[in-house]
């Protein structure tokens, strides 16, 4: 993908961040090897927690930790999005090692399995351009048939077996025993749409699924209306080919189309528009070192789309996108909006039955960003 002076983005091999950078590919291959050594063992808790296996597993976890540390350092010279995921992966790998070393095997397994969310976050954001890593390196020792269908789809996505992952999702979503009203509320349903649209650039495949849901006798009227509306949106984007030439105006137009469909913030009527806009934005910013106001706005809009599409409790890129937008262009018209959305996200995240307890480092972050915006406003005036 190349950003020219006109701000137009076209798809090239650069949409695969490892294809244009052999160093990244080599680091990822080593990381994958160490991940593949230890992940299958964690599915057998008896083996995972046995004293006999501890030193062998600890050695593999150290290799995973060290390789994740290398990737995190390498990520600093890549685009910000890649760097964020690499840093999150590094943090998780270090935590897994510490938990396991201390004998907290349940905590280590929990963190290791959720660590795969970092892989999903990266693999599901850009178009499929290469079949790597080889799937068997991840899954040869994991019996997917013993896993729940949605977990199976998760690990297939992690190993970049996207067609198989989509088929696994469709098996679940086409199950007549599942209530359609519950189905469309699943975060995995949004993930399915992201795989189809962002990774496969395929607006046609989900249409058959949506029509099947609409045709079920027990589908409630409001669900039927919603999926038929989504189907219409998919038909429109299939004809318009939104990934051909991507500009900020075309992205804004796509988001605006989603807003027009929505009557309240979490209204799902605009889902297809927001998934499409998110895919356009990922293509726009990927591999682009620019720190211009346009790039800052792209990160802001990514934060906006992610606030509606994000469903992982483990890794959330919304806050990262919003902070990045503010730091790149604190004097922009959108930076106060980015700050308001970020503050709302952070405050709600630290609010519970015991009240609101914001950690000191989060308060410092918000104060820092607020000062940046205030100072930029003073300089302007």
Protein backbone atom coordinates (compact mmCIF):
# COMPACT_ATOMS: atom_id res chain seq x y z
CA UNK A 1 0.00 0.00 0.00
CA UNK A 2 1.37 3.39 -0.97
CA UNK A 3 0.30 6.78 0.31
CA UNK A 4 0.91 9.45 -2.29
CA UNK A 5 0.69 13.20 -2.16
CA UNK A 6 -3.02 12.98 -2.91
CA UNK A 7 -3.67 10.73 0.08
CA UNK A 8 -4.80 7.90 -2.20
CA UNK A 9 -4.05 4.36 -1.13
CA UNK A 10 -3.80 1.41 -3.50
CA UNK A 11 -3.26 -2.23 -2.56
CA UNK A 12 0.23 -3.66 -3.13
CA UNK A 13 2.31 -6.39 -1.54
CA UNK A 14 3.06 -3.92 1.22
CA UNK A 15 -0.28 -4.84 2.83
CA UNK A 16 1.61 -7.89 4.05
CA UNK A 17 4.00 -6.34 6.62
CA UNK A 18 6.33 -9.37 6.52
CA UNK A 19 6.52 -9.69 2.75
CA UNK A 20 8.40 -6.42 2.29
CA UNK A 21 10.56 -6.94 5.38
CA UNK A 22 12.49 -10.22 5.65
CA UNK A 23 13.63 -9.33 9.19
CA UNK A 24 10.02 -9.25 10.36
CA UNK A 25 9.32 -12.56 8.62
CA UNK A 26 12.34 -14.24 10.23
CA UNK A 27 11.42 -12.96 13.70
CA UNK A 28 7.82 -14.09 13.26
CA UNK A 29 8.91 -17.56 12.11
CA UNK A 30 11.05 -18.00 15.23
CA UNK A 31 8.25 -16.73 17.45
CA UNK A 32 5.78 -19.11 15.81
CA UNK A 33 8.09 -22.07 16.38
CA UNK A 34 8.36 -21.32 20.09
CA UNK A 35 4.59 -20.74 20.35
CA UNK A 36 3.90 -24.04 18.56
CA UNK A 37 6.06 -25.90 21.06
CA UNK A 38 4.14 -24.85 24.14
CA UNK A 39 0.55 -24.07 23.10
CA UNK A 40 -0.51 -27.70 22.43
CA UNK A 41 0.84 -28.78 25.83
CA UNK A 42 -1.45 -26.31 27.59
CA UNK A 43 -4.54 -28.23 26.41
CA UNK A 44 -3.57 -31.12 28.71
CA UNK A 45 -3.55 -29.58 32.19
CA UNK A 46 -2.19 -32.73 33.79
CA UNK A 47 0.83 -32.64 31.50
CA UNK A 48 1.12 -28.84 31.64
CA UNK A 49 1.36 -28.80 35.44
CA UNK A 50 3.42 -31.96 36.00
CA UNK A 51 6.79 -31.63 37.70
CA UNK A 52 8.31 -33.93 35.10
CA UNK A 53 7.47 -31.51 32.28
CA UNK A 54 8.15 -28.24 34.09
CA UNK A 55 11.72 -27.61 32.93
CA UNK A 56 10.93 -28.52 29.32
CA UNK A 57 7.90 -26.22 29.23
CA UNK A 58 9.77 -23.47 31.07
CA UNK A 59 12.50 -23.65 28.44
CA UNK A 60 9.90 -23.27 25.66
CA UNK A 61 8.23 -20.38 27.48
CA UNK A 62 11.58 -18.63 27.88
CA UNK A 63 12.15 -18.99 24.15
CA UNK A 64 8.66 -17.56 23.56
CA UNK A 65 9.36 -14.67 25.94
CA UNK A 66 12.75 -13.88 24.39
CA UNK A 67 11.39 -13.97 20.84
CA UNK A 68 8.44 -11.77 21.83
CA UNK A 69 10.91 -9.28 23.33
CA UNK A 70 12.83 -9.22 20.03
CA UNK A 71 9.61 -8.68 18.09
CA UNK A 72 8.60 -5.83 20.41
CA UNK A 73 11.93 -4.06 19.83
CA UNK A 74 11.59 -4.62 16.10
CA UNK A 75 8.02 -3.33 16.22
CA UNK A 76 9.26 0.10 17.27
CA UNK A 77 10.60 0.70 13.77
CA UNK A 78 7.42 -0.54 12.08
CA UNK A 79 4.07 1.21 11.86
CA UNK A 80 2.36 2.13 15.13
CA UNK A 81 -0.39 -0.47 14.78
CA UNK A 82 2.09 -3.34 14.40
CA UNK A 83 4.17 -1.93 17.25
CA UNK A 84 1.18 -1.87 19.59
CA UNK A 85 0.32 -5.53 18.97
CA UNK A 86 3.98 -6.53 19.30
CA UNK A 87 4.21 -4.74 22.65
CA UNK A 88 1.02 -6.41 23.89
CA UNK A 89 2.35 -9.83 22.79
CA UNK A 90 5.63 -9.20 24.59
CA UNK A 91 3.85 -8.25 27.81
CA UNK A 92 1.71 -11.40 27.70
CA UNK A 93 4.69 -13.66 26.99
CA UNK A 94 6.57 -12.27 29.98
CA UNK A 95 3.53 -12.75 32.21
CA UNK A 96 3.04 -16.36 31.06
CA UNK A 97 6.66 -17.13 31.91
CA UNK A 98 6.42 -15.55 35.36
CA UNK A 99 3.15 -17.34 36.23
CA UNK A 100 4.48 -20.73 35.13
CA UNK A 101 7.85 -20.28 36.83
CA UNK A 102 6.08 -19.62 40.14
CA UNK A 103 3.85 -22.66 39.73
CA UNK A 104 0.63 -20.78 38.96
CA UNK A 105 -0.31 -23.11 36.12
CA UNK A 106 -3.97 -22.09 35.73
CA UNK A 107 -2.98 -18.44 35.46
CA UNK A 108 -0.22 -19.30 32.97
CA UNK A 109 -2.61 -21.33 30.80
CA UNK A 110 -5.26 -18.59 30.95
CA UNK A 111 -2.76 -15.94 29.86
CA UNK A 112 -1.22 -18.15 27.17
CA UNK A 113 -4.59 -18.90 25.57
CA UNK A 114 -5.70 -15.27 25.68
CA UNK A 115 -2.32 -14.24 24.32
CA UNK A 116 -3.59 -15.59 21.00
CA UNK A 117 -5.93 -12.57 20.85
CA UNK A 118 -2.86 -10.57 19.79
CA UNK A 119 -2.46 -12.84 16.76
CA UNK A 120 -6.15 -12.46 15.92
CA UNK A 121 -5.94 -8.67 16.22
CA UNK A 122 -3.13 -8.56 13.68
CA UNK A 123 -4.30 -11.31 11.31
CA UNK A 124 -7.86 -10.04 10.99
CA UNK A 125 -7.02 -6.41 10.22
CA UNK A 126 -5.40 -6.68 6.78
CA UNK A 127 -6.10 -8.50 3.51
CA UNK A 128 -4.89 -12.05 3.05
CA UNK A 129 -1.75 -11.81 0.91
CA UNK A 130 0.27 -14.89 1.86
CA UNK A 131 -0.29 -18.32 3.37
CA UNK A 132 1.99 -18.05 6.38
CA UNK A 133 2.77 -19.41 8.87
CA UNK A 134 2.20 -23.02 7.84
CA UNK A 135 -0.96 -24.03 9.73
CA UNK A 136 0.39 -27.35 10.93
CA UNK A 137 3.05 -25.54 12.95
CA UNK A 138 0.30 -24.24 15.20
CA UNK A 139 -2.30 -26.94 15.12
CA UNK A 140 -0.68 -30.31 14.38
CA UNK A 141 -0.77 -31.30 18.05
CA UNK A 142 -4.16 -29.74 18.85
CA UNK A 143 -7.27 -31.79 18.20
CA UNK A 144 -9.60 -29.09 16.91
CA UNK A 145 -12.51 -31.53 16.76
CA UNK A 146 -12.54 -31.64 20.56
CA UNK A 147 -12.92 -27.87 20.81
CA UNK A 148 -16.19 -25.90 20.78
CA UNK A 149 -16.91 -24.61 17.27
CA UNK A 150 -16.21 -20.95 18.08
CA UNK A 151 -12.88 -21.88 19.71
CA UNK A 152 -12.07 -23.87 16.59
CA UNK A 153 -12.77 -20.78 14.46
CA UNK A 154 -10.54 -18.74 16.77
CA UNK A 155 -7.51 -21.02 16.36
CA UNK A 156 -8.06 -21.36 12.62
CA UNK A 157 -7.97 -17.56 12.36
CA UNK A 158 -4.86 -17.45 14.52
CA UNK A 159 -3.10 -19.83 12.12
CA UNK A 160 -4.31 -17.84 9.09
CA UNK A 161 -6.59 -20.59 7.80
CA UNK A 162 -9.21 -17.99 6.97
CA UNK A 163 -11.47 -19.99 4.67
CA UNK A 164 -11.63 -22.79 7.22
CA UNK A 165 -12.32 -20.27 10.00
CA UNK A 166 -15.20 -18.74 8.04
CA UNK A 167 -16.64 -22.21 7.43
CA UNK A 168 -16.42 -22.98 11.17
CA UNK A 169 -18.27 -19.75 12.00
CA UNK A 170 -20.93 -20.55 9.40
CA UNK A 171 -21.48 -24.00 10.92
CA UNK A 172 -22.35 -22.31 14.20
CA UNK A 173 -24.42 -19.49 12.73
CA UNK A 174 -26.43 -21.83 10.49
CA UNK A 175 -27.34 -24.09 13.42
CA UNK A 176 -31.17 -23.93 13.63
CA UNK A 177 -30.98 -24.56 17.38
CA UNK A 178 -29.33 -21.17 17.99
CA UNK A 179 -31.74 -18.31 18.52
CA UNK A 180 -31.12 -15.70 15.76
CA UNK A 181 -31.65 -12.85 18.24
CA UNK A 182 -28.76 -14.18 20.33
CA UNK A 183 -26.68 -14.95 17.27
CA UNK A 184 -26.34 -11.42 15.89
CA UNK A 185 -25.35 -10.09 19.31
CA UNK A 186 -22.26 -12.32 19.46
CA UNK A 187 -18.86 -10.66 19.15
CA UNK A 188 -17.91 -13.65 17.00
CA UNK A 189 -20.52 -12.56 14.45
CA UNK A 190 -18.69 -9.25 14.07
CA UNK A 191 -15.41 -11.17 13.83
CA UNK A 192 -16.90 -13.25 11.01
CA UNK A 193 -17.80 -10.07 9.13
CA UNK A 194 -14.31 -8.66 9.68
CA UNK A 195 -12.72 -11.83 8.29
CA UNK A 196 -14.97 -11.80 5.24
CA UNK A 197 -14.60 -8.09 4.48
CA UNK A 198 -11.19 -7.04 5.79
CA UNK A 199 -9.18 -10.21 5.24
CA UNK A 200 -10.88 -11.81 2.24
CA UNK A 201 -12.28 -8.59 0.67
CA UNK A 202 -15.40 -10.67 0.10
CA UNK A 203 -18.78 -8.93 0.37
CA UNK A 204 -20.60 -11.80 -1.33
CA UNK A 205 -19.99 -14.74 1.03
CA UNK A 206 -21.81 -13.35 4.09
CA UNK A 207 -24.94 -12.64 2.03
CA UNK A 208 -25.90 -16.32 1.82
CA UNK A 209 -25.58 -16.66 5.60
CA UNK A 210 -27.74 -13.59 6.23
CA UNK A 211 -30.44 -14.79 3.85
CA UNK A 212 -30.46 -18.18 5.58
CA UNK A 213 -31.01 -16.46 8.93
CA UNK A 214 -33.78 -14.28 7.46
CA UNK A 215 -35.54 -17.34 6.01
CA UNK A 216 -35.76 -19.25 9.28
CA UNK A 217 -39.41 -19.53 10.44
CA UNK A 218 -38.46 -18.69 14.03
CA UNK A 219 -36.41 -15.59 13.19
CA UNK A 220 -37.98 -12.58 14.97
CA UNK A 221 -39.18 -9.78 12.71
CA UNK A 222 -36.68 -7.23 14.04
CA UNK A 223 -33.79 -9.64 13.38
CA UNK A 224 -35.06 -10.40 9.87
CA UNK A 225 -35.24 -6.66 9.12
CA UNK A 226 -31.71 -6.15 10.43
CA UNK A 227 -30.02 -8.97 8.50
CA UNK A 228 -31.81 -8.01 5.28
CA UNK A 229 -30.57 -4.44 5.77
CA UNK A 230 -27.02 -5.77 6.25
CA UNK A 231 -27.45 -7.90 3.14
CA UNK A 232 -28.40 -4.81 1.13
CA UNK A 233 -25.34 -2.96 2.40
CA UNK A 234 -23.09 -5.88 1.42
CA UNK A 235 -24.61 -5.87 -2.10
CA UNK A 236 -23.88 -2.15 -2.41
CA UNK A 237 -20.23 -2.49 -1.37
CA UNK A 238 -19.76 -5.53 -3.60
CA UNK A 239 -20.69 -3.34 -6.57
CA UNK A 240 -18.76 -0.22 -5.51
CA UNK A 241 -15.41 -2.01 -4.71
CA UNK A 242 -14.43 0.31 -1.80
CA UNK A 243 -10.85 -0.98 -1.53
CA UNK A 244 -9.79 0.11 -5.00
CA UNK A 245 -8.79 3.70 -4.22
CA UNK A 246 -8.92 4.64 -0.55
CA UNK A 247 -8.88 8.29 0.54
CA UNK A 248 -9.83 10.00 3.78
CA UNK A 249 -12.94 11.50 2.14
CA UNK A 250 -14.07 8.03 1.02
CA UNK A 251 -13.49 6.70 4.54
CA UNK A 252 -15.44 9.58 6.08
CA UNK A 253 -18.26 8.94 3.61
CA UNK A 254 -18.39 5.26 4.62
CA UNK A 255 -18.54 6.11 8.34
CA UNK A 256 -21.19 8.75 7.67
CA UNK A 257 -23.29 6.11 5.89
CA UNK A 258 -23.08 4.01 9.05
CA UNK A 259 -24.08 6.94 11.26
CA UNK A 260 -27.15 7.61 9.14
CA UNK A 261 -28.32 4.04 9.77
CA UNK A 262 -27.91 4.34 13.54
CA UNK A 263 -30.32 5.99 15.96
CA UNK A 264 -28.20 5.44 19.09
CA UNK A 265 -24.46 4.78 19.75
CA UNK A 266 -24.62 0.97 19.92
CA UNK A 267 -27.24 0.57 17.20
CA UNK A 268 -26.11 -2.37 15.01
CA UNK A 269 -27.82 -1.20 11.81
CA UNK A 270 -24.57 0.41 10.62
CA UNK A 271 -22.38 -2.66 11.28
CA UNK A 272 -21.39 -3.38 7.66
CA UNK A 273 -20.49 0.28 7.04
CA UNK A 274 -18.26 0.36 10.12
CA UNK A 275 -16.57 -2.96 9.33
CA UNK A 276 -15.87 -1.68 5.82
CA UNK A 277 -14.56 1.65 7.10
CA UNK A 278 -12.34 -0.15 9.61
CA UNK A 279 -10.91 -2.29 6.81
CA UNK A 280 -10.27 0.81 4.70
CA UNK A 281 -8.54 2.53 7.61
CA UNK A 282 -6.25 -0.42 8.31
CA UNK A 283 -5.20 -0.41 4.66
CA UNK A 284 -4.70 3.36 4.83
CA UNK A 285 -2.36 3.43 7.83
CA UNK A 286 -0.51 0.15 7.39
CA UNK A 287 3.18 0.60 6.75
CA UNK A 288 2.87 4.38 6.44
CA UNK A 289 5.41 6.33 8.56
CA UNK A 290 3.63 9.65 8.01
CA UNK A 291 2.82 11.77 11.08
CA UNK A 292 0.62 14.20 9.21
CA UNK A 293 -2.74 15.49 10.37
CA UNK A 294 -4.38 13.17 7.84
CA UNK A 295 -2.72 10.18 9.47
CA UNK A 296 -3.77 11.44 12.91
CA UNK A 297 -7.36 11.69 11.72
CA UNK A 298 -7.14 8.15 10.36
CA UNK A 299 -6.13 6.91 13.83
CA UNK A 300 -8.98 8.89 15.38
CA UNK A 301 -11.45 7.30 12.99
CA UNK A 302 -9.97 3.88 13.76
CA UNK A 303 -10.69 4.57 17.42
CA UNK A 304 -14.26 5.50 16.54
CA UNK A 305 -14.86 2.34 14.48
CA UNK A 306 -13.13 0.14 17.04
CA UNK A 307 -15.39 1.53 19.79
CA UNK A 308 -18.31 -0.10 17.97
CA UNK A 309 -16.60 -3.24 16.64
CA UNK A 310 -14.16 -4.27 19.37
CA UNK A 311 -15.29 -7.25 21.45
CA UNK A 312 -12.11 -8.77 22.90
CA UNK A 313 -11.76 -8.30 26.67
CA UNK A 314 -8.05 -9.11 26.38
CA UNK A 315 -6.69 -6.61 23.86
CA UNK A 316 -8.41 -3.37 22.92
CA UNK A 317 -6.89 -1.06 20.34
CA UNK A 318 -9.48 1.69 20.72
CA UNK A 319 -7.58 3.54 23.46
CA UNK A 320 -4.27 3.18 21.61
CA UNK A 321 -5.76 4.63 18.41
CA UNK A 322 -7.26 7.61 20.23
CA UNK A 323 -4.08 8.38 22.15
CA UNK A 324 -2.04 8.14 18.94
CA UNK A 325 -4.41 10.56 17.17
CA UNK A 326 -4.02 13.13 19.94
CA UNK A 327 -0.24 12.87 20.08
CA UNK A 328 0.11 13.19 16.30
CA UNK A 329 -2.14 16.25 16.05
CA UNK A 330 -3.07 17.76 19.44
CA UNK A 331 -4.18 21.02 17.78
CA UNK A 332 -6.60 19.37 15.36
CA UNK A 333 -10.36 19.83 15.48
CA UNK A 334 -10.85 16.13 16.24
CA UNK A 335 -8.36 15.84 19.13
CA UNK A 336 -10.88 17.06 21.80
CA UNK A 337 -13.35 14.47 20.48
CA UNK A 338 -10.66 11.79 20.63
CA UNK A 339 -9.85 12.82 24.20
CA UNK A 340 -13.52 12.72 25.24
CA UNK A 341 -13.98 9.21 23.81
CA UNK A 342 -10.72 8.01 25.38
CA UNK A 343 -11.59 9.49 28.79
CA UNK A 344 -15.04 7.88 28.66
CA UNK A 345 -13.48 4.51 27.79
CA UNK A 346 -10.87 4.64 30.54
CA UNK A 347 -13.21 5.93 33.26
CA UNK A 348 -15.86 3.31 32.49
CA UNK A 349 -13.15 0.64 32.45
CA UNK A 350 -12.16 1.46 36.02
CA UNK A 351 -15.70 1.86 37.34
CA UNK A 352 -17.50 -0.92 39.18
CA UNK A 353 -19.50 -1.72 42.28
CA UNK A 354 -16.76 -0.18 44.42
CA UNK A 355 -16.95 3.11 42.52
CA UNK A 356 -14.45 4.68 40.15
CA UNK A 357 -10.79 4.00 40.93
CA UNK A 358 -8.52 5.30 38.20
CA UNK A 359 -4.85 4.20 38.58
CA UNK A 360 -2.23 6.92 38.91
CA UNK A 361 -0.59 6.07 35.59
CA UNK A 362 -3.92 6.41 33.77
CA UNK A 363 -4.57 9.79 35.44
CA UNK A 364 -1.10 10.93 34.39
CA UNK A 365 -1.80 9.82 30.81
CA UNK A 366 -5.07 11.76 30.65
CA UNK A 367 -3.47 14.87 32.18
CA UNK A 368 -0.59 14.63 29.70
CA UNK A 369 -2.93 14.41 26.73
CA UNK A 370 -5.14 17.21 28.03
CA UNK A 371 -2.05 19.44 28.45
CA UNK A 372 -0.96 18.68 24.87
CA UNK A 373 -4.38 19.72 23.55
CA UNK A 374 -4.54 22.87 25.73
CA UNK A 375 -1.01 23.96 24.74
CA UNK A 376 -1.73 23.39 21.04
CA UNK A 377 -4.89 25.46 21.37
CA UNK A 378 -2.93 28.32 22.97
CA UNK A 379 -0.32 28.22 20.21
CA UNK A 380 -3.05 28.42 17.60
CA UNK A 381 -4.71 31.42 19.19
